[in-house]
Amino acid sequence: MLSDKRSKLNDEFNEACKKLEQKIMEKKKPFLEQRRQIIQGEMTTYGDLTEKFDTAHQDLEKKVAAIVKPEGEKEEKEEDEEPEKIPTDVSYLKGQKGVPDFWVRAMKANRLIWD
């Protein structure tokens, strides 16, 4: 009997989770649609999104600049030779709409799905 009661509670929990997930997905839809339009090149004007991005980017740069490494790490880095930095060739992007290869690059950058 206790097992049956526990099972019923689990069923209620699962049902509540599904309802909450659906509610949140409805809230996400406009953002996901906007992202899709940007990736496919259907949207070319971004309104205030550009300003928000620039502000957030500046804030992140300040935070990263404030990170101080311990003295031991600085010395090690000076001794090691840094590999030559080669600029990424983005010439193939000229004239293309949207963000080509977005999903391929996103999946390659996600460590959870590398395999």
PDB file of N, CA and C in Angstrom:
ATOM      1  N   MET A   1       0.830  -1.194   0.000  1.00  0.00           N
ATOM      2  CA  MET A   1       0.000   0.000   0.000  1.00  0.00           C
ATOM      3  C   MET A   1       0.877   1.262   0.000  1.00  0.00           C
ATOM      4  N   LEU A   2       1.944   1.219   0.782  1.00  0.00           N
ATOM      5  CA  LEU A   2       2.830   2.376   0.829  1.00  0.00           C
ATOM      6  C   LEU A   2       3.484   2.617  -0.525  1.00  0.00           C
ATOM      7  N   SER A   3       3.825   1.542  -1.180  1.00  0.00           N
ATOM      8  CA  SER A   3       4.437   1.659  -2.494  1.00  0.00           C
ATOM      9  C   SER A   3       3.458   2.276  -3.496  1.00  0.00           C
ATOM     10  N   ASP A   4       2.202   1.890  -3.418  1.00  0.00           N
ATOM     11  CA  ASP A   4       1.179   2.458  -4.302  1.00  0.00           C
ATOM     12  C   ASP A   4       1.015   3.954  -4.051  1.00  0.00           C
ATOM     13  N   LYS A   5       1.000   4.346  -2.780  1.00  0.00           N
ATOM     14  CA  LYS A   5       0.869   5.764  -2.435  1.00  0.00           C
ATOM     15  C   LYS A   5       2.076   6.558  -2.952  1.00  0.00           C
ATOM     16  N   ARG A   6       3.257   5.977  -2.800  1.00  0.00           N
ATOM     17  CA  ARG A   6       4.467   6.626  -3.291  1.00  0.00           C
ATOM     18  C   ARG A   6       4.406   6.760  -4.813  1.00  0.00           C
ATOM     19  N   SER A   7       3.936   5.751  -5.489  1.00  0.00           N
ATOM     20  CA  SER A   7       3.821   5.782  -6.947  1.00  0.00           C
ATOM     21  C   SER A   7       2.847   6.875  -7.394  1.00  0.00           C
ATOM     22  N   LYS A   8       1.746   7.005  -6.670  1.00  0.00           N
ATOM     23  CA  LYS A   8       0.778   8.052  -7.016  1.00  0.00           C
ATOM     24  C   LYS A   8       1.397   9.438  -6.830  1.00  0.00           C
ATOM     25  N   LEU A   9       2.168   9.599  -5.758  1.00  0.00           N
ATOM     26  CA  LEU A   9       2.846  10.884  -5.550  1.00  0.00           C
ATOM     27  C   LEU A   9       3.860  11.156  -6.655  1.00  0.00           C
ATOM     28  N   ASN A  10       4.575  10.132  -7.075  1.00  0.00           N
ATOM     29  CA  ASN A  10       5.524  10.284  -8.181  1.00  0.00           C
ATOM     30  C   ASN A  10       4.794  10.689  -9.464  1.00  0.00           C
ATOM     31  N   ASP A  11       3.633  10.092  -9.695  1.00  0.00           N
ATOM     32  CA  ASP A  11       2.846  10.444 -10.876  1.00  0.00           C
ATOM     33  C   ASP A  11       2.394  11.900 -10.813  1.00  0.00           C
ATOM     34  N   GLU A  12       1.970  12.344  -9.633  1.00  0.00           N
ATOM     35  CA  GLU A  12       1.566  13.749  -9.460  1.00  0.00           C
ATOM     36  C   GLU A  12       2.747  14.680  -9.710  1.00  0.00           C
ATOM     37  N   PHE A  13       3.882  14.293  -9.173  1.00  0.00           N
ATOM     38  CA  PHE A  13       5.095  15.095  -9.352  1.00  0.00           C
ATOM     39  C   PHE A  13       5.451  15.209 -10.827  1.00  0.00           C
ATOM     40  N   ASN A  14       5.441  14.089 -11.538  1.00  0.00           N
ATOM     41  CA  ASN A  14       5.775  14.086 -12.955  1.00  0.00           C
ATOM     42  C   ASN A  14       4.795  14.935 -13.756  1.00  0.00           C
ATOM     43  N   GLU A  15       3.549  14.878 -13.422  1.00  0.00           N
ATOM     44  CA  GLU A  15       2.524  15.673 -14.106  1.00  0.00           C
ATOM     45  C   GLU A  15       2.751  17.165 -13.857  1.00  0.00           C
ATOM     46  N   ALA A  16       3.061  17.522 -12.622  1.00  0.00           N
ATOM     47  CA  ALA A  16       3.327  18.921 -12.282  1.00  0.00           C
ATOM     48  C   ALA A  16       4.573  19.418 -13.020  1.00  0.00           C
ATOM     49  N   CYS A  17       5.574  18.563 -13.127  1.00  0.00           N
ATOM     50  CA  CYS A  17       6.797  18.938 -13.850  1.00  0.00           C
ATOM     51  C   CYS A  17       6.500  19.190 -15.327  1.00  0.00           C
ATOM     52  N   LYS A  18       5.676  18.348 -15.930  1.00  0.00           N
ATOM     53  CA  LYS A  18       5.320  18.518 -17.339  1.00  0.00           C
ATOM     54  C   LYS A  18       4.586  19.843 -17.551  1.00  0.00           C
ATOM     55  N   LYS A  19       3.653  20.159 -16.657  1.00  0.00           N
ATOM     56  CA  LYS A  19       2.902  21.412 -16.777  1.00  0.00           C
ATOM     57  C   LYS A  19       3.831  22.621 -16.643  1.00  0.00           C
ATOM     58  N   LEU A  20       4.740  22.565 -15.688  1.00  0.00           N
ATOM     59  CA  LEU A  20       5.681  23.661 -15.492  1.00  0.00           C
ATOM     60  C   LEU A  20       6.600  23.806 -16.705  1.00  0.00           C
ATOM     61  N   GLU A  21       7.053  22.691 -17.233  1.00  0.00           N
ATOM     62  CA  GLU A  21       7.927  22.719 -18.410  1.00  0.00           C
ATOM     63  C   GLU A  21       7.205  23.347 -19.601  1.00  0.00           C
ATOM     64  N   GLN A  22       5.935  22.988 -19.791  1.00  0.00           N
ATOM     65  CA  GLN A  22       5.160  23.563 -20.888  1.00  0.00           C
ATOM     66  C   GLN A  22       4.979  25.071 -20.697  1.00  0.00           C
ATOM     67  N   LYS A  23       4.738  25.483 -19.475  1.00  0.00           N
ATOM     68  CA  LYS A  23       4.560  26.905 -19.170  1.00  0.00           C
ATOM     69  C   LYS A  23       5.830  27.694 -19.487  1.00  0.00           C
ATOM     70  N   ILE A  24       6.974  27.153 -19.091  1.00  0.00           N
ATOM     71  CA  ILE A  24       8.248  27.816 -19.346  1.00  0.00           C
ATOM     72  C   ILE A  24       8.558  27.827 -20.849  1.00  0.00           C
ATOM     73  N   MET A  25       8.266  26.746 -21.552  1.00  0.00           N
ATOM     74  CA  MET A  25       8.516  26.691 -22.993  1.00  0.00           C
ATOM     75  C   MET A  25       7.699  27.750 -23.730  1.00  0.00           C
ATOM     76  N   GLU A  26       6.476  28.005 -23.278  1.00  0.00           N
ATOM     77  CA  GLU A  26       5.657  29.050 -23.884  1.00  0.00           C
ATOM     78  C   GLU A  26       6.313  30.415 -23.706  1.00  0.00           C
ATOM     79  N   LYS A  27       6.941  30.637 -22.563  1.00  0.00           N
ATOM     80  CA  LYS A  27       7.636  31.903 -22.320  1.00  0.00           C
ATOM     81  C   LYS A  27       8.900  32.012 -23.174  1.00  0.00           C
ATOM     82  N   LYS A  28       9.534  30.873 -23.464  1.00  0.00           N
ATOM     83  CA  LYS A  28      10.772  30.858 -24.246  1.00  0.00           C
ATOM     84  C   LYS A  28      10.533  31.028 -25.745  1.00  0.00           C
ATOM     85  N   LYS A  29       9.345  30.674 -26.223  1.00  0.00           N
ATOM     86  CA  LYS A  29       9.076  30.662 -27.667  1.00  0.00           C
ATOM     87  C   LYS A  29       9.474  31.945 -28.390  1.00  0.00           C
ATOM     88  N   PRO A  30       9.107  33.136 -27.892  1.00  0.00           N
ATOM     89  CA  PRO A  30       9.480  34.347 -28.633  1.00  0.00           C
ATOM     90  C   PRO A  30      10.993  34.518 -28.771  1.00  0.00           C
ATOM     91  N   PHE A  31      11.742  34.160 -27.738  1.00  0.00           N
ATOM     92  CA  PHE A  31      13.196  34.283 -27.790  1.00  0.00           C
ATOM     93  C   PHE A  31      13.800  33.269 -28.750  1.00  0.00           C
ATOM     94  N   LEU A  32      13.273  32.058 -28.723  1.00  0.00           N
ATOM     95  CA  LEU A  32      13.779  31.026 -29.625  1.00  0.00           C
ATOM     96  C   LEU A  32      13.470  31.378 -31.080  1.00  0.00           C
ATOM     97  N   GLU A  33      12.294  31.946 -31.307  1.00  0.00           N
ATOM     98  CA  GLU A  33      11.916  32.359 -32.657  1.00  0.00           C
ATOM     99  C   GLU A  33      12.822  33.502 -33.133  1.00  0.00           C
ATOM    100  N   GLN A  34      13.094  34.440 -32.253  1.00  0.00           N
ATOM    101  CA  GLN A  34      13.973  35.554 -32.613  1.00  0.00           C
ATOM    102  C   GLN A  34      15.383  35.051 -32.919  1.00  0.00           C
ATOM    103  N   ARG A  35      15.871  34.105 -32.121  1.00  0.00           N
ATOM    104  CA  ARG A  35      17.194  33.525 -32.373  1.00  0.00           C
ATOM    105  C   ARG A  35      17.208  32.817 -33.727  1.00  0.00           C
ATOM    106  N   ARG A  36      16.154  32.066 -34.025  1.00  0.00           N
ATOM    107  CA  ARG A  36      16.067  31.357 -35.303  1.00  0.00           C
ATOM    108  C   ARG A  36      16.124  32.338 -36.469  1.00  0.00           C
ATOM    109  N   GLN A  37      15.394  33.447 -36.342  1.00  0.00           N
ATOM    110  CA  GLN A  37      15.381  34.444 -37.407  1.00  0.00           C
ATOM    111  C   GLN A  37      16.763  35.069 -37.606  1.00  0.00           C
ATOM    112  N   ILE A  38      17.474  35.310 -36.526  1.00  0.00           N
ATOM    113  CA  ILE A  38      18.820  35.884 -36.634  1.00  0.00           C
ATOM    114  C   ILE A  38      19.765  34.891 -37.289  1.00  0.00           C
ATOM    115  N   ILE A  39      19.718  33.639 -36.861  1.00  0.00           N
ATOM    116  CA  ILE A  39      20.614  32.611 -37.401  1.00  0.00           C
ATOM    117  C   ILE A  39      20.374  32.394 -38.885  1.00  0.00           C
ATOM    118  N   GLN A  40      19.107  32.408 -39.299  1.00  0.00           N
ATOM    119  CA  GLN A  40      18.801  32.168 -40.711  1.00  0.00           C
ATOM    120  C   GLN A  40      18.886  33.425 -41.569  1.00  0.00           C
ATOM    121  N   GLY A  41      19.149  34.560 -40.938  1.00  0.00           N
ATOM    122  CA  GLY A  41      19.306  35.795 -41.695  1.00  0.00           C
ATOM    123  C   GLY A  41      18.001  36.475 -42.041  1.00  0.00           C
ATOM    124  N   GLU A  42      16.895  36.041 -41.449  1.00  0.00           N
ATOM    125  CA  GLU A  42      15.604  36.673 -41.711  1.00  0.00           C
ATOM    126  C   GLU A  42      15.497  38.009 -40.979  1.00  0.00           C
ATOM    127  N   MET A  43      16.198  38.144 -39.870  1.00  0.00           N
ATOM    128  CA  MET A  43      16.187  39.387 -39.106  1.00  0.00           C
ATOM    129  C   MET A  43      17.557  40.045 -39.249  1.00  0.00           C
ATOM    130  N   THR A  44      17.558  41.288 -39.718  1.00  0.00           N
ATOM    131  CA  THR A  44      18.823  41.990 -39.903  1.00  0.00           C
ATOM    132  C   THR A  44      18.924  43.242 -39.044  1.00  0.00           C
ATOM    133  N   THR A  45      17.828  43.659 -38.440  1.00  0.00           N
ATOM    134  CA  THR A  45      17.868  44.784 -37.505  1.00  0.00           C
ATOM    135  C   THR A  45      17.623  44.228 -36.119  1.00  0.00           C
ATOM    136  N   TYR A  46      18.415  44.668 -35.177  1.00  0.00           N
ATOM    137  CA  TYR A  46      18.385  44.057 -33.857  1.00  0.00           C
ATOM    138  C   TYR A  46      17.851  44.978 -32.768  1.00  0.00           C
ATOM    139  N   GLY A  47      17.404  46.172 -33.128  1.00  0.00           N
ATOM    140  CA  GLY A  47      16.834  47.085 -32.150  1.00  0.00           C
ATOM    141  C   GLY A  47      17.811  47.391 -31.031  1.00  0.00           C
ATOM    142  N   ASP A  48      17.353  47.266 -29.804  1.00  0.00           N
ATOM    143  CA  ASP A  48      18.204  47.587 -28.655  1.00  0.00           C
ATOM    144  C   ASP A  48      19.083  46.414 -28.224  1.00  0.00           C
ATOM    145  N   LEU A  49      18.994  45.294 -28.922  1.00  0.00           N
ATOM    146  CA  LEU A  49      19.815  44.132 -28.561  1.00  0.00           C
ATOM    147  C   LEU A  49      21.305  44.437 -28.704  1.00  0.00           C
ATOM    148  N   THR A  50      21.663  45.215 -29.722  1.00  0.00           N
ATOM    149  CA  THR A  50      23.067  45.549 -29.940  1.00  0.00           C
ATOM    150  C   THR A  50      23.616  46.357 -28.777  1.00  0.00           C
ATOM    151  N   GLU A  51      22.834  47.344 -28.320  1.00  0.00           N
ATOM    152  CA  GLU A  51      23.267  48.161 -27.187  1.00  0.00           C
ATOM    153  C   GLU A  51      23.424  47.307 -25.934  1.00  0.00           C
ATOM    154  N   LYS A  52      22.465  46.410 -25.701  1.00  0.00           N
ATOM    155  CA  LYS A  52      22.534  45.535 -24.526  1.00  0.00           C
ATOM    156  C   LYS A  52      23.767  44.631 -24.599  1.00  0.00           C
ATOM    157  N   PHE A  53      24.047  44.120 -25.800  1.00  0.00           N
ATOM    158  CA  PHE A  53      25.215  43.262 -25.970  1.00  0.00           C
ATOM    159  C   PHE A  53      26.491  44.044 -25.682  1.00  0.00           C
ATOM    160  N   ASP A  54      26.596  45.243 -26.250  1.00  0.00           N
ATOM    161  CA  ASP A  54      27.798  46.056 -26.036  1.00  0.00           C
ATOM    162  C   ASP A  54      28.014  46.355 -24.560  1.00  0.00           C
ATOM    163  N   THR A  55      26.942  46.685 -23.857  1.00  0.00           N
ATOM    164  CA  THR A  55      27.040  46.975 -22.421  1.00  0.00           C
ATOM    165  C   THR A  55      27.481  45.739 -21.655  1.00  0.00           C
ATOM    166  N   ALA A  56      26.853  44.611 -21.946  1.00  0.00           N
ATOM    167  CA  ALA A  56      27.206  43.360 -21.256  1.00  0.00           C
ATOM    168  C   ALA A  56      28.648  42.969 -21.568  1.00  0.00           C
ATOM    169  N   HIS A  57      29.074  43.167 -22.814  1.00  0.00           N
ATOM    170  CA  HIS A  57      30.435  42.821 -23.225  1.00  0.00           C
ATOM    171  C   HIS A  57      31.459  43.678 -22.483  1.00  0.00           C
ATOM    172  N   GLN A  58      31.185  44.969 -22.348  1.00  0.00           N
ATOM    173  CA  GLN A  58      32.088  45.859 -21.618  1.00  0.00           C
ATOM    174  C   GLN A  58      32.185  45.457 -20.152  1.00  0.00           C
ATOM    175  N   ASP A  59      31.035  45.101 -19.569  1.00  0.00           N
ATOM    176  CA  ASP A  59      31.035  44.659 -18.169  1.00  0.00           C
ATOM    177  C   ASP A  59      31.878  43.403 -17.993  1.00  0.00           C
ATOM    178  N   LEU A  60      31.744  42.460 -18.918  1.00  0.00           N
ATOM    179  CA  LEU A  60      32.527  41.230 -18.838  1.00  0.00           C
ATOM    180  C   LEU A  60      34.017  41.509 -19.005  1.00  0.00           C
ATOM    181  N   GLU A  61      34.365  42.412 -19.904  1.00  0.00           N
ATOM    182  CA  GLU A  61      35.778  42.756 -20.087  1.00  0.00           C
ATOM    183  C   GLU A  61      36.369  43.333 -18.805  1.00  0.00           C
ATOM    184  N   LYS A  62      35.595  44.171 -18.114  1.00  0.00           N
ATOM    185  CA  LYS A  62      36.059  44.739 -16.844  1.00  0.00           C
ATOM    186  C   LYS A  62      36.262  43.649 -15.806  1.00  0.00           C
ATOM    187  N   LYS A  63      35.317  42.717 -15.736  1.00  0.00           N
ATOM    188  CA  LYS A  63      35.417  41.634 -14.753  1.00  0.00           C
ATOM    189  C   LYS A  63      36.619  40.742 -15.040  1.00  0.00           C
ATOM    190  N   VAL A  64      36.838  40.430 -16.300  1.00  0.00           N
ATOM    191  CA  VAL A  64      37.965  39.576 -16.672  1.00  0.00           C
ATOM    192  C   VAL A  64      39.284  40.289 -16.403  1.00  0.00           C
ATOM    193  N   ALA A  65      39.328  41.583 -16.674  1.00  0.00           N
ATOM    194  CA  ALA A  65      40.547  42.351 -16.435  1.00  0.00           C
ATOM    195  C   ALA A  65      40.877  42.421 -14.948  1.00  0.00           C
ATOM    196  N   ALA A  66      39.863  42.310 -14.106  1.00  0.00           N
ATOM    197  CA  ALA A  66      40.072  42.402 -12.660  1.00  0.00           C
ATOM    198  C   ALA A  66      40.579  41.098 -12.052  1.00  0.00           C
ATOM    199  N   ILE A  67      40.568  40.036 -12.832  1.00  0.00           N
ATOM    200  CA  ILE A  67      41.040  38.751 -12.320  1.00  0.00           C
ATOM    201  C   ILE A  67      42.566  38.791 -12.235  1.00  0.00           C
ATOM    202  N   VAL A  68      43.078  38.541 -11.055  1.00  0.00           N
ATOM    203  CA  VAL A  68      44.522  38.572 -10.836  1.00  0.00           C
ATOM    204  C   VAL A  68      44.982  37.151 -10.583  1.00  0.00           C
ATOM    205  N   LYS A  69      45.995  36.723 -11.339  1.00  0.00           N
ATOM    206  CA  LYS A  69      46.524  35.374 -11.153  1.00  0.00           C
ATOM    207  C   LYS A  69      47.597  35.384 -10.081  1.00  0.00           C
ATOM    208  N   PRO A  70      47.715  34.281  -9.373  1.00  0.00           N
ATOM    209  CA  PRO A  70      48.783  34.190  -8.372  1.00  0.00           C
ATOM    210  C   PRO A  70      50.159  34.333  -9.031  1.00  0.00           C
ATOM    211  N   GLU A  71      51.128  34.779  -8.264  1.00  0.00           N
ATOM    212  CA  GLU A  71      52.475  35.037  -8.793  1.00  0.00           C
ATOM    213  C   GLU A  71      53.091  33.808  -9.461  1.00  0.00           C
ATOM    214  N   GLY A  72      52.870  32.627  -8.899  1.00  0.00           N
ATOM    215  CA  GLY A  72      53.453  31.398  -9.451  1.00  0.00           C
ATOM    216  C   GLY A  72      52.999  31.140 -10.873  1.00  0.00           C
ATOM    217  N   GLU A  73      51.745  31.441 -11.166  1.00  0.00           N
ATOM    218  CA  GLU A  73      51.220  31.198 -12.508  1.00  0.00           C
ATOM    219  C   GLU A  73      51.828  32.159 -13.517  1.00  0.00           C
ATOM    220  N   LYS A  74      52.079  33.393 -13.097  1.00  0.00           N
ATOM    221  CA  LYS A  74      52.669  34.365 -14.019  1.00  0.00           C
ATOM    222  C   LYS A  74      54.061  33.923 -14.443  1.00  0.00           C
ATOM    223  N   GLU A  75      54.848  33.429 -13.487  1.00  0.00           N
ATOM    224  CA  GLU A  75      56.215  33.004 -13.792  1.00  0.00           C
ATOM    225  C   GLU A  75      56.220  31.824 -14.746  1.00  0.00           C
ATOM    226  N   GLU A  76      55.338  30.865 -14.515  1.00  0.00           N
ATOM    227  CA  GLU A  76      55.282  29.692 -15.383  1.00  0.00           C
ATOM    228  C   GLU A  76      54.938  30.090 -16.810  1.00  0.00           C
ATOM    229  N   LYS A  77      54.022  31.013 -16.959  1.00  0.00           N
ATOM    230  CA  LYS A  77      53.595  31.411 -18.277  1.00  0.00           C
ATOM    231  C   LYS A  77      54.712  32.115 -19.030  1.00  0.00           C
ATOM    232  N   GLU A  78      55.524  32.894 -18.311  1.00  0.00           N
ATOM    233  CA  GLU A  78      56.632  33.585 -18.956  1.00  0.00           C
ATOM    234  C   GLU A  78      57.658  32.592 -19.482  1.00  0.00           C
ATOM    235  N   GLU A  79      57.878  31.508 -18.755  1.00  0.00           N
ATOM    236  CA  GLU A  79      58.863  30.514 -19.165  1.00  0.00           C
ATOM    237  C   GLU A  79      58.386  29.717 -20.370  1.00  0.00           C
ATOM    238  N   ASP A  80      57.113  29.360 -20.386  1.00  0.00           N
ATOM    239  CA  ASP A  80      56.569  28.579 -21.496  1.00  0.00           C
ATOM    240  C   ASP A  80      56.401  29.464 -22.722  1.00  0.00           C
ATOM    241  N   GLU A  81      56.680  28.882 -23.887  1.00  0.00           N
ATOM    242  CA  GLU A  81      56.456  29.625 -25.117  1.00  0.00           C
ATOM    243  C   GLU A  81      54.993  29.486 -25.504  1.00  0.00           C
ATOM    244  N   GLU A  82      54.379  30.603 -25.830  1.00  0.00           N
ATOM    245  CA  GLU A  82      52.992  30.568 -26.266  1.00  0.00           C
ATOM    246  C   GLU A  82      52.946  30.198 -27.736  1.00  0.00           C
ATOM    247  N   PRO A  83      51.965  29.377 -28.123  1.00  0.00           N
ATOM    248  CA  PRO A  83      51.865  29.022 -29.540  1.00  0.00           C
ATOM    249  C   PRO A  83      51.503  30.258 -30.369  1.00  0.00           C
ATOM    250  N   GLU A  84      51.925  30.238 -31.623  1.00  0.00           N
ATOM    251  CA  GLU A  84      51.642  31.352 -32.513  1.00  0.00           C
ATOM    252  C   GLU A  84      50.140  31.449 -32.741  1.00  0.00           C
ATOM    253  N   LYS A  85      49.606  32.651 -32.629  1.00  0.00           N
ATOM    254  CA  LYS A  85      48.174  32.862 -32.823  1.00  0.00           C
ATOM    255  C   LYS A  85      47.906  33.155 -34.289  1.00  0.00           C
ATOM    256  N   ILE A  86      47.054  32.326 -34.875  1.00  0.00           N
ATOM    257  CA  ILE A  86      46.715  32.477 -36.290  1.00  0.00           C
ATOM    258  C   ILE A  86      45.304  33.029 -36.383  1.00  0.00           C
ATOM    259  N   PRO A  87      45.104  34.145 -37.089  1.00  0.00           N
ATOM    260  CA  PRO A  87      43.752  34.703 -37.197  1.00  0.00           C
ATOM    261  C   PRO A  87      42.828  33.762 -37.957  1.00  0.00           C
ATOM    262  N   THR A  88      41.579  33.750 -37.554  1.00  0.00           N
ATOM    263  CA  THR A  88      40.580  32.902 -38.189  1.00  0.00           C
ATOM    264  C   THR A  88      40.150  33.519 -39.516  1.00  0.00           C
ATOM    265  N   ASP A  89      40.102  32.710 -40.560  1.00  0.00           N
ATOM    266  CA  ASP A  89      39.679  33.181 -41.876  1.00  0.00           C
ATOM    267  C   ASP A  89      38.154  33.202 -41.923  1.00  0.00           C
ATOM    268  N   VAL A  90      37.586  34.389 -42.028  1.00  0.00           N
ATOM    269  CA  VAL A  90      36.138  34.532 -42.080  1.00  0.00           C
ATOM    270  C   VAL A  90      35.683  35.095 -43.420  1.00  0.00           C
ATOM    271  N   SER A  91      36.534  35.037 -44.418  1.00  0.00           N
ATOM    272  CA  SER A  91      36.202  35.607 -45.721  1.00  0.00           C
ATOM    273  C   SER A  91      35.007  34.892 -46.363  1.00  0.00           C
ATOM    274  N   TYR A  92      34.801  33.643 -46.044  1.00  0.00           N
ATOM    275  CA  TYR A  92      33.678  32.898 -46.626  1.00  0.00           C
ATOM    276  C   TYR A  92      32.330  33.413 -46.115  1.00  0.00           C
ATOM    277  N   LEU A  93      32.333  34.223 -45.066  1.00  0.00           N
ATOM    278  CA  LEU A  93      31.087  34.753 -44.510  1.00  0.00           C
ATOM    279  C   LEU A  93      30.580  35.983 -45.254  1.00  0.00           C
ATOM    280  N   LYS A  94      31.436  36.617 -46.069  1.00  0.00           N
ATOM    281  CA  LYS A  94      31.024  37.824 -46.777  1.00  0.00           C
ATOM    282  C   LYS A  94      29.835  37.530 -47.681  1.00  0.00           C
ATOM    283  N   GLY A  95      28.826  38.383 -47.553  1.00  0.00           N
ATOM    284  CA  GLY A  95      27.651  38.258 -48.412  1.00  0.00           C
ATOM    285  C   GLY A  95      26.647  37.219 -47.976  1.00  0.00           C
ATOM    286  N   GLN A  96      26.938  36.445 -46.958  1.00  0.00           N
ATOM    287  CA  GLN A  96      25.987  35.438 -46.494  1.00  0.00           C
ATOM    288  C   GLN A  96      25.079  36.028 -45.431  1.00  0.00           C
ATOM    289  N   LYS A  97      23.831  35.594 -45.429  1.00  0.00           N
ATOM    290  CA  LYS A  97      22.883  36.060 -44.425  1.00  0.00           C
ATOM    291  C   LYS A  97      22.935  35.150 -43.209  1.00  0.00           C
ATOM    292  N   GLY A  98      22.604  35.717 -42.075  1.00  0.00           N
ATOM    293  CA  GLY A  98      22.510  34.920 -40.865  1.00  0.00           C
ATOM    294  C   GLY A  98      23.859  34.490 -40.326  1.00  0.00           C
ATOM    295  N   VAL A  99      23.847  33.366 -39.651  1.00  0.00           N
ATOM    296  CA  VAL A  99      25.060  32.820 -39.038  1.00  0.00           C
ATOM    297  C   VAL A  99      25.284  31.420 -39.605  1.00  0.00           C
ATOM    298  N   PRO A 100      26.071  31.305 -40.684  1.00  0.00           N
ATOM    299  CA  PRO A 100      26.303  29.994 -41.294  1.00  0.00           C
ATOM    300  C   PRO A 100      26.974  29.035 -40.305  1.00  0.00           C
ATOM    301  N   ASP A 101      26.632  27.791 -40.389  1.00  0.00           N
ATOM    302  CA  ASP A 101      27.217  26.731 -39.567  1.00  0.00           C
ATOM    303  C   ASP A 101      27.034  26.962 -38.065  1.00  0.00           C
ATOM    304  N   PHE A 102      26.016  27.717 -37.681  1.00  0.00           N
ATOM    305  CA  PHE A 102      25.815  28.022 -36.262  1.00  0.00           C
ATOM    306  C   PHE A 102      25.686  26.762 -35.426  1.00  0.00           C
ATOM    307  N   TRP A 103      24.803  25.855 -35.831  1.00  0.00           N
ATOM    308  CA  TRP A 103      24.537  24.674 -35.001  1.00  0.00           C
ATOM    309  C   TRP A 103      25.710  23.712 -34.980  1.00  0.00           C
ATOM    310  N   VAL A 104      26.406  23.578 -36.085  1.00  0.00           N
ATOM    311  CA  VAL A 104      27.587  22.704 -36.117  1.00  0.00           C
ATOM    312  C   VAL A 104      28.634  23.238 -35.145  1.00  0.00           C
ATOM    313  N   ARG A 105      28.874  24.536 -35.213  1.00  0.00           N
ATOM    314  CA  ARG A 105      29.858  25.148 -34.316  1.00  0.00           C
ATOM    315  C   ARG A 105      29.404  25.081 -32.863  1.00  0.00           C
ATOM    316  N   ALA A 106      28.108  25.287 -32.624  1.00  0.00           N
ATOM    317  CA  ALA A 106      27.588  25.234 -31.256  1.00  0.00           C
ATOM    318  C   ALA A 106      27.764  23.835 -30.677  1.00  0.00           C
ATOM    319  N   MET A 107      27.499  22.821 -31.480  1.00  0.00           N
ATOM    320  CA  MET A 107      27.649  21.452 -30.981  1.00  0.00           C
ATOM    321  C   MET A 107      29.116  21.100 -30.761  1.00  0.00           C
ATOM    322  N   LYS A 108      29.989  21.571 -31.646  1.00  0.00           N
ATOM    323  CA  LYS A 108      31.413  21.300 -31.472  1.00  0.00           C
ATOM    324  C   LYS A 108      31.966  21.992 -30.225  1.00  0.00           C
ATOM    325  N   ALA A 109      31.392  23.118 -29.863  1.00  0.00           N
ATOM    326  CA  ALA A 109      31.870  23.869 -28.699  1.00  0.00           C
ATOM    327  C   ALA A 109      31.295  23.345 -27.386  1.00  0.00           C
ATOM    328  N   ASN A 110      30.280  22.482 -27.453  1.00  0.00           N
ATOM    329  CA  ASN A 110      29.640  21.963 -26.253  1.00  0.00           C
ATOM    330  C   ASN A 110      30.333  20.677 -25.821  1.00  0.00           C
ATOM    331  N   ARG A 111      31.014  20.731 -24.699  1.00  0.00           N
ATOM    332  CA  ARG A 111      31.779  19.567 -24.237  1.00  0.00           C
ATOM    333  C   ARG A 111      30.905  18.354 -23.911  1.00  0.00           C
ATOM    334  N   LEU A 112      29.650  18.581 -23.580  1.00  0.00           N
ATOM    335  CA  LEU A 112      28.768  17.465 -23.234  1.00  0.00           C
ATOM    336  C   LEU A 112      28.425  16.601 -24.433  1.00  0.00           C
ATOM    337  N   ILE A 113      28.468  17.177 -25.626  1.00  0.00           N
ATOM    338  CA  ILE A 113      28.076  16.405 -26.820  1.00  0.00           C
ATOM    339  C   ILE A 113      29.203  16.260 -27.829  1.00  0.00           C
ATOM    340  N   TRP A 114      30.443  16.440 -27.397  1.00  0.00           N
ATOM    341  CA  TRP A 114      31.566  16.301 -28.319  1.00  0.00           C
ATOM    342  C   TRP A 114      31.555  14.957 -29.037  1.00  0.00           C
ATOM    343  N   ASP A 115      31.284  13.906 -28.311  1.00  0.00           N
ATOM    344  CA  ASP A 115      31.310  12.576 -28.921  1.00  0.00           C
ATOM    345  C   ASP A 115      30.244  12.459 -29.999  1.00  0.00           C
TER     346      ASP A 115
END
